[in-house]
Amino acid sequence: MPCSIGLQLNVNALKRKVRSLVDSAMKTASGPKRLLNFDPSTPGRRVWPADNPRKNAEWEIRLDAGERKKDNPDL
C-alpha cells in the first residue's frame, strides 16, 4: 500500500498549503472580502493571491473563481 500512503501525504500537504493560503488572506485588509465576496459572474478570475511573479513563486498555488453550480448557486 505504499501508493495510498504517498497519496495521503500529498493530500495532507495540499490541505496545509490551502489552509496557509486562506490564513494569509484573512490576515490582510482586502483578503476576507476577496475570499468571501468575490463576483461569481467572472469565472476564472484570480481570487487569491495577487497575480504577480513573486506571489506565484512564493505560493505555487492559487484560488480562482469558479462557475456557478446549477444545483447550488452559492457554491
PDB file of N, CA and C in Angstrom:
ATOM      1  N   MET A   1       0.789  -1.210   0.000  1.00  0.00           N
ATOM      2  CA  MET A   1       0.000   0.000   0.000  1.00  0.00           C
ATOM      3  C   MET A   1       0.836   1.282   0.000  1.00  0.00           C
ATOM      4  N   PRO A   2       2.068   1.268  -0.469  1.00  0.00           N
ATOM      5  CA  PRO A   2       2.860   2.498  -0.480  1.00  0.00           C
ATOM      6  C   PRO A   2       2.222   3.606  -1.307  1.00  0.00           C
ATOM      7  N   CYS A   3       1.500   3.241  -2.352  1.00  0.00           N
ATOM      8  CA  CYS A   3       0.862   4.240  -3.196  1.00  0.00           C
ATOM      9  C   CYS A   3      -0.176   5.040  -2.405  1.00  0.00           C
ATOM     10  N   SER A   4      -0.987   4.357  -1.601  1.00  0.00           N
ATOM     11  CA  SER A   4      -2.010   5.066  -0.835  1.00  0.00           C
ATOM     12  C   SER A   4      -1.382   5.937   0.251  1.00  0.00           C
ATOM     13  N   ILE A   5      -0.263   5.504   0.809  1.00  0.00           N
ATOM     14  CA  ILE A   5       0.430   6.323   1.812  1.00  0.00           C
ATOM     15  C   ILE A   5       0.986   7.578   1.155  1.00  0.00           C
ATOM     16  N   GLY A   6       1.578   7.436  -0.017  1.00  0.00           N
ATOM     17  CA  GLY A   6       2.099   8.594  -0.739  1.00  0.00           C
ATOM     18  C   GLY A   6       1.007   9.558  -1.133  1.00  0.00           C
ATOM     19  N   LEU A   7      -0.134   9.014  -1.552  1.00  0.00           N
ATOM     20  CA  LEU A   7      -1.269   9.859  -1.914  1.00  0.00           C
ATOM     21  C   LEU A   7      -1.778  10.620  -0.699  1.00  0.00           C
ATOM     22  N   GLN A   8      -1.855   9.956   0.448  1.00  0.00           N
ATOM     23  CA  GLN A   8      -2.308  10.608   1.679  1.00  0.00           C
ATOM     24  C   GLN A   8      -1.355  11.729   2.083  1.00  0.00           C
ATOM     25  N   LEU A   9      -0.054  11.511   1.927  1.00  0.00           N
ATOM     26  CA  LEU A   9       0.910  12.559   2.246  1.00  0.00           C
ATOM     27  C   LEU A   9       0.727  13.755   1.330  1.00  0.00           C
ATOM     28  N   ASN A  10       0.473  13.514   0.041  1.00  0.00           N
ATOM     29  CA  ASN A  10       0.248  14.608  -0.901  1.00  0.00           C
ATOM     30  C   ASN A  10      -1.026  15.368  -0.572  1.00  0.00           C
ATOM     31  N   VAL A  11      -2.076  14.652  -0.200  1.00  0.00           N
ATOM     32  CA  VAL A  11      -3.337  15.306   0.171  1.00  0.00           C
ATOM     33  C   VAL A  11      -3.132  16.162   1.409  1.00  0.00           C
ATOM     34  N   ASN A  12      -2.421  15.639   2.391  1.00  0.00           N
ATOM     35  CA  ASN A  12      -2.159  16.415   3.607  1.00  0.00           C
ATOM     36  C   ASN A  12      -1.323  17.648   3.304  1.00  0.00           C
ATOM     37  N   ALA A  13      -0.341  17.528   2.435  1.00  0.00           N
ATOM     38  CA  ALA A  13       0.483  18.682   2.059  1.00  0.00           C
ATOM     39  C   ALA A  13      -0.368  19.731   1.354  1.00  0.00           C
ATOM     40  N   LEU A  14      -1.267  19.295   0.485  1.00  0.00           N
ATOM     41  CA  LEU A  14      -2.147  20.229  -0.210  1.00  0.00           C
ATOM     42  C   LEU A  14      -3.089  20.921   0.770  1.00  0.00           C
ATOM     43  N   LYS A  15      -3.647  20.172   1.721  1.00  0.00           N
ATOM     44  CA  LYS A  15      -4.522  20.772   2.729  1.00  0.00           C
ATOM     45  C   LYS A  15      -3.783  21.826   3.544  1.00  0.00           C
ATOM     46  N   ARG A  16      -2.547  21.530   3.930  1.00  0.00           N
ATOM     47  CA  ARG A  16      -1.756  22.515   4.689  1.00  0.00           C
ATOM     48  C   ARG A  16      -1.490  23.761   3.852  1.00  0.00           C
ATOM     49  N   LYS A  17      -1.191  23.575   2.578  1.00  0.00           N
ATOM     50  CA  LYS A  17      -0.894  24.710   1.698  1.00  0.00           C
ATOM     51  C   LYS A  17      -2.135  25.588   1.510  1.00  0.00           C
ATOM     52  N   VAL A  18      -3.287  24.959   1.288  1.00  0.00           N
ATOM     53  CA  VAL A  18      -4.525  25.727   1.116  1.00  0.00           C
ATOM     54  C   VAL A  18      -4.898  26.431   2.411  1.00  0.00           C
ATOM     55  N   ARG A  19      -4.757  25.741   3.533  1.00  0.00           N
ATOM     56  CA  ARG A  19      -5.063  26.357   4.825  1.00  0.00           C
ATOM     57  C   ARG A  19      -4.168  27.575   5.076  1.00  0.00           C
ATOM     58  N   SER A  20      -2.883  27.473   4.782  1.00  0.00           N
ATOM     59  CA  SER A  20      -1.990  28.613   4.996  1.00  0.00           C
ATOM     60  C   SER A  20      -2.297  29.739   4.018  1.00  0.00           C
ATOM     61  N   LEU A  21      -2.735  29.396   2.798  1.00  0.00           N
ATOM     62  CA  LEU A  21      -3.120  30.413   1.826  1.00  0.00           C
ATOM     63  C   LEU A  21      -4.336  31.198   2.326  1.00  0.00           C
ATOM     64  N   VAL A  22      -5.348  30.493   2.807  1.00  0.00           N
ATOM     65  CA  VAL A  22      -6.549  31.151   3.332  1.00  0.00           C
ATOM     66  C   VAL A  22      -6.208  31.958   4.587  1.00  0.00           C
ATOM     67  N   ASP A  23      -5.401  31.393   5.472  1.00  0.00           N
ATOM     68  CA  ASP A  23      -4.997  32.127   6.679  1.00  0.00           C
ATOM     69  C   ASP A  23      -4.283  33.420   6.326  1.00  0.00           C
ATOM     70  N   SER A  24      -3.409  33.375   5.336  1.00  0.00           N
ATOM     71  CA  SER A  24      -2.684  34.594   4.944  1.00  0.00           C
ATOM     72  C   SER A  24      -3.641  35.633   4.380  1.00  0.00           C
ATOM     73  N   ALA A  25      -4.637  35.183   3.633  1.00  0.00           N
ATOM     74  CA  ALA A  25      -5.611  36.124   3.074  1.00  0.00           C
ATOM     75  C   ALA A  25      -6.434  36.772   4.177  1.00  0.00           C
ATOM     76  N   MET A  26      -6.823  35.988   5.168  1.00  0.00           N
ATOM     77  CA  MET A  26      -7.675  36.507   6.230  1.00  0.00           C
ATOM     78  C   MET A  26      -6.939  37.503   7.135  1.00  0.00           C
ATOM     79  N   LYS A  27      -5.621  37.518   7.095  1.00  0.00           N
ATOM     80  CA  LYS A  27      -4.842  38.450   7.914  1.00  0.00           C
ATOM     81  C   LYS A  27      -4.653  39.811   7.251  1.00  0.00           C
ATOM     82  N   THR A  28      -5.087  39.952   5.994  1.00  0.00           N
ATOM     83  CA  THR A  28      -4.898  41.220   5.292  1.00  0.00           C
ATOM     84  C   THR A  28      -6.198  42.021   5.300  1.00  0.00           C
ATOM     85  N   ALA A  29      -6.103  43.265   4.895  1.00  0.00           N
ATOM     86  CA  ALA A  29      -7.289  44.122   4.871  1.00  0.00           C
ATOM     87  C   ALA A  29      -8.259  43.719   3.762  1.00  0.00           C
ATOM     88  N   SER A  30      -7.745  43.361   2.594  1.00  0.00           N
ATOM     89  CA  SER A  30      -8.630  43.049   1.465  1.00  0.00           C
ATOM     90  C   SER A  30      -8.922  41.558   1.317  1.00  0.00           C
ATOM     91  N   GLY A  31      -8.150  40.708   1.975  1.00  0.00           N
ATOM     92  CA  GLY A  31      -8.286  39.266   1.806  1.00  0.00           C
ATOM     93  C   GLY A  31      -9.654  38.699   2.121  1.00  0.00           C
ATOM     94  N   PRO A  32     -10.227  39.006   3.305  1.00  0.00           N
ATOM     95  CA  PRO A  32     -11.544  38.446   3.616  1.00  0.00           C
ATOM     96  C   PRO A  32     -12.605  38.805   2.580  1.00  0.00           C
ATOM     97  N   LYS A  33     -12.602  40.048   2.133  1.00  0.00           N
ATOM     98  CA  LYS A  33     -13.579  40.463   1.128  1.00  0.00           C
ATOM     99  C   LYS A  33     -13.336  39.723  -0.180  1.00  0.00           C
ATOM    100  N   ARG A  34     -12.075  39.583  -0.565  1.00  0.00           N
ATOM    101  CA  ARG A  34     -11.767  38.899  -1.824  1.00  0.00           C
ATOM    102  C   ARG A  34     -12.156  37.422  -1.767  1.00  0.00           C
ATOM    103  N   LEU A  35     -11.983  36.783  -0.610  1.00  0.00           N
ATOM    104  CA  LEU A  35     -12.318  35.369  -0.488  1.00  0.00           C
ATOM    105  C   LEU A  35     -13.814  35.132  -0.333  1.00  0.00           C
ATOM    106  N   LEU A  36     -14.473  35.970   0.449  1.00  0.00           N
ATOM    107  CA  LEU A  36     -15.865  35.706   0.812  1.00  0.00           C
ATOM    108  C   LEU A  36     -16.888  36.407  -0.069  1.00  0.00           C
ATOM    109  N   ASN A  37     -16.501  37.477  -0.749  1.00  0.00           N
ATOM    110  CA  ASN A  37     -17.461  38.256  -1.536  1.00  0.00           C
ATOM    111  C   ASN A  37     -17.027  38.414  -2.986  1.00  0.00           C
ATOM    112  N   PHE A  38     -16.352  37.398  -3.541  1.00  0.00           N
ATOM    113  CA  PHE A  38     -15.911  37.540  -4.921  1.00  0.00           C
ATOM    114  C   PHE A  38     -17.112  37.508  -5.865  1.00  0.00           C
ATOM    115  N   ASP A  39     -16.939  38.057  -7.045  1.00  0.00           N
ATOM    116  CA  ASP A  39     -18.012  38.143  -8.033  1.00  0.00           C
ATOM    117  C   ASP A  39     -18.081  36.838  -8.831  1.00  0.00           C
ATOM    118  N   PRO A  40     -19.111  36.014  -8.612  1.00  0.00           N
ATOM    119  CA  PRO A  40     -19.193  34.733  -9.315  1.00  0.00           C
ATOM    120  C   PRO A  40     -19.518  34.871 -10.798  1.00  0.00           C
ATOM    121  N   SER A  41     -19.812  36.088 -11.254  1.00  0.00           N
ATOM    122  CA  SER A  41     -20.109  36.268 -12.675  1.00  0.00           C
ATOM    123  C   SER A  41     -18.833  36.358 -13.507  1.00  0.00           C
ATOM    124  N   THR A  42     -17.670  36.258 -12.855  1.00  0.00           N
ATOM    125  CA  THR A  42     -16.392  36.318 -13.569  1.00  0.00           C
ATOM    126  C   THR A  42     -15.584  35.051 -13.291  1.00  0.00           C
ATOM    127  N   PRO A  43     -16.027  33.886 -13.790  1.00  0.00           N
ATOM    128  CA  PRO A  43     -15.291  32.651 -13.526  1.00  0.00           C
ATOM    129  C   PRO A  43     -13.890  32.703 -14.118  1.00  0.00           C
ATOM    130  N   GLY A  44     -12.961  32.105 -13.403  1.00  0.00           N
ATOM    131  CA  GLY A  44     -11.575  32.073 -13.851  1.00  0.00           C
ATOM    132  C   GLY A  44     -10.730  33.215 -13.329  1.00  0.00           C
ATOM    133  N   ARG A  45     -11.367  34.219 -12.740  1.00  0.00           N
ATOM    134  CA  ARG A  45     -10.622  35.368 -12.205  1.00  0.00           C
ATOM    135  C   ARG A  45      -9.855  34.942 -10.959  1.00  0.00           C
ATOM    136  N   ARG A  46      -8.657  35.444 -10.816  1.00  0.00           N
ATOM    137  CA  ARG A  46      -7.827  35.142  -9.653  1.00  0.00           C
ATOM    138  C   ARG A  46      -8.466  35.743  -8.419  1.00  0.00           C
ATOM    139  N   VAL A  47      -8.631  34.940  -7.366  1.00  0.00           N
ATOM    140  CA  VAL A  47      -9.184  35.412  -6.105  1.00  0.00           C
ATOM    141  C   VAL A  47      -8.052  35.722  -5.137  1.00  0.00           C
ATOM    142  N   TRP A  48      -7.126  34.768  -4.963  1.00  0.00           N
ATOM    143  CA  TRP A  48      -6.007  34.965  -4.036  1.00  0.00           C
ATOM    144  C   TRP A  48      -4.881  34.040  -4.399  1.00  0.00           C
ATOM    145  N   PRO A  49      -3.653  34.363  -4.291  1.00  0.00           N
ATOM    146  CA  PRO A  49      -3.025  35.653  -4.005  1.00  0.00           C
ATOM    147  C   PRO A  49      -3.017  36.542  -5.250  1.00  0.00           C
ATOM    148  N   ALA A  50      -2.501  37.720  -5.075  1.00  0.00           N
ATOM    149  CA  ALA A  50      -2.406  38.641  -6.202  1.00  0.00           C
ATOM    150  C   ALA A  50      -1.608  37.993  -7.335  1.00  0.00           C
ATOM    151  N   ASP A  51      -1.952  38.362  -8.554  1.00  0.00           N
ATOM    152  CA  ASP A  51      -1.303  37.779  -9.731  1.00  0.00           C
ATOM    153  C   ASP A  51      -0.030  38.551 -10.054  1.00  0.00           C
ATOM    154  N   ASN A  52       1.069  38.132  -9.433  1.00  0.00           N
ATOM    155  CA  ASN A  52       2.372  38.701  -9.763  1.00  0.00           C
ATOM    156  C   ASN A  52       3.429  37.604  -9.614  1.00  0.00           C
ATOM    157  N   PRO A  53       4.548  37.730 -10.293  1.00  0.00           N
ATOM    158  CA  PRO A  53       5.551  36.660 -10.289  1.00  0.00           C
ATOM    159  C   PRO A  53       6.050  36.280  -8.891  1.00  0.00           C
ATOM    160  N   ARG A  54       6.223  37.257  -8.012  1.00  0.00           N
ATOM    161  CA  ARG A  54       6.720  36.945  -6.670  1.00  0.00           C
ATOM    162  C   ARG A  54       5.723  36.089  -5.893  1.00  0.00           C
ATOM    163  N   LYS A  55       4.450  36.470  -5.938  1.00  0.00           N
ATOM    164  CA  LYS A  55       3.423  35.700  -5.232  1.00  0.00           C
ATOM    165  C   LYS A  55       3.244  34.315  -5.857  1.00  0.00           C
ATOM    166  N   ASN A  56       3.310  34.240  -7.176  1.00  0.00           N
ATOM    167  CA  ASN A  56       3.190  32.946  -7.847  1.00  0.00           C
ATOM    168  C   ASN A  56       4.313  32.005  -7.412  1.00  0.00           C
ATOM    169  N   ALA A  57       5.523  32.508  -7.319  1.00  0.00           N
ATOM    170  CA  ALA A  57       6.657  31.679  -6.908  1.00  0.00           C
ATOM    171  C   ALA A  57       6.568  31.316  -5.429  1.00  0.00           C
ATOM    172  N   GLU A  58       6.094  32.249  -4.615  1.00  0.00           N
ATOM    173  CA  GLU A  58       6.002  32.009  -3.171  1.00  0.00           C
ATOM    174  C   GLU A  58       4.957  30.940  -2.844  1.00  0.00           C
ATOM    175  N   TRP A  59       3.787  31.018  -3.468  1.00  0.00           N
ATOM    176  CA  TRP A  59       2.688  30.128  -3.084  1.00  0.00           C
ATOM    177  C   TRP A  59       2.607  28.849  -3.900  1.00  0.00           C
ATOM    178  N   GLU A  60       2.926  28.901  -5.169  1.00  0.00           N
ATOM    179  CA  GLU A  60       2.827  27.745  -6.064  1.00  0.00           C
ATOM    180  C   GLU A  60       1.413  27.174  -6.130  1.00  0.00           C
ATOM    181  N   ILE A  61       0.432  27.914  -5.665  1.00  0.00           N
ATOM    182  CA  ILE A  61      -0.974  27.509  -5.686  1.00  0.00           C
ATOM    183  C   ILE A  61      -1.787  28.796  -5.681  1.00  0.00           C
ATOM    184  N   ARG A  62      -2.993  28.733  -6.241  1.00  0.00           N
ATOM    185  CA  ARG A  62      -3.835  29.930  -6.271  1.00  0.00           C
ATOM    186  C   ARG A  62      -5.294  29.533  -6.184  1.00  0.00           C
ATOM    187  N   LEU A  63      -6.119  30.493  -5.814  1.00  0.00           N
ATOM    188  CA  LEU A  63      -7.563  30.295  -5.784  1.00  0.00           C
ATOM    189  C   LEU A  63      -8.178  31.145  -6.892  1.00  0.00           C
ATOM    190  N   ASP A  64      -8.936  30.510  -7.764  1.00  0.00           N
ATOM    191  CA  ASP A  64      -9.633  31.202  -8.835  1.00  0.00           C
ATOM    192  C   ASP A  64     -11.129  31.082  -8.616  1.00  0.00           C
ATOM    193  N   ALA A  65     -11.874  32.070  -9.100  1.00  0.00           N
ATOM    194  CA  ALA A  65     -13.334  31.998  -9.042  1.00  0.00           C
ATOM    195  C   ALA A  65     -13.799  30.918 -10.008  1.00  0.00           C
ATOM    196  N   GLY A  66     -14.774  30.152  -9.585  1.00  0.00           N
ATOM    197  CA  GLY A  66     -15.329  29.104 -10.445  1.00  0.00           C
ATOM    198  C   GLY A  66     -16.665  29.515 -11.029  1.00  0.00           C
ATOM    199  N   GLU A  67     -17.234  28.637 -11.804  1.00  0.00           N
ATOM    200  CA  GLU A  67     -18.548  28.892 -12.374  1.00  0.00           C
ATOM    201  C   GLU A  67     -19.620  28.521 -11.367  1.00  0.00           C
ATOM    202  N   ARG A  68     -20.767  29.171 -11.464  1.00  0.00           N
ATOM    203  CA  ARG A  68     -21.889  28.849 -10.583  1.00  0.00           C
ATOM    204  C   ARG A  68     -22.382  27.445 -10.872  1.00  0.00           C
ATOM    205  N   LYS A  69     -22.775  26.768  -9.821  1.00  0.00           N
ATOM    206  CA  LYS A  69     -23.363  25.436  -9.948  1.00  0.00           C
ATOM    207  C   LYS A  69     -24.866  25.582 -10.100  1.00  0.00           C
ATOM    208  N   LYS A  70     -25.465  24.855 -11.023  1.00  0.00           N
ATOM    209  CA  LYS A  70     -26.908  24.951 -11.231  1.00  0.00           C
ATOM    210  C   LYS A  70     -27.664  24.478  -9.990  1.00  0.00           C
ATOM    211  N   ASP A  71     -27.184  23.398  -9.359  1.00  0.00           N
ATOM    212  CA  ASP A  71     -27.876  22.845  -8.207  1.00  0.00           C
ATOM    213  C   ASP A  71     -27.733  23.708  -6.954  1.00  0.00           C
ATOM    214  N   ASN A  72     -26.606  24.397  -6.826  1.00  0.00           N
ATOM    215  CA  ASN A  72     -26.343  25.202  -5.639  1.00  0.00           C
ATOM    216  C   ASN A  72     -25.569  26.455  -6.063  1.00  0.00           C
ATOM    217  N   PRO A  73     -26.249  27.525  -6.435  1.00  0.00           N
ATOM    218  CA  PRO A  73     -25.584  28.717  -6.949  1.00  0.00           C
ATOM    219  C   PRO A  73     -24.706  29.439  -5.934  1.00  0.00           C
ATOM    220  N   ASP A  74     -24.810  29.085  -4.658  1.00  0.00           N
ATOM    221  CA  ASP A  74     -23.990  29.738  -3.640  1.00  0.00           C
ATOM    222  C   ASP A  74     -22.600  29.129  -3.539  1.00  0.00           C
ATOM    223  N   LEU A  75     -22.329  28.027  -4.229  1.00  0.00           N
ATOM    224  CA  LEU A  75     -21.005  27.397  -4.182  1.00  0.00           C
ATOM    225  C   LEU A  75     -20.150  27.859  -5.317  1.00  0.00           C
TER     226      LEU A  75
END
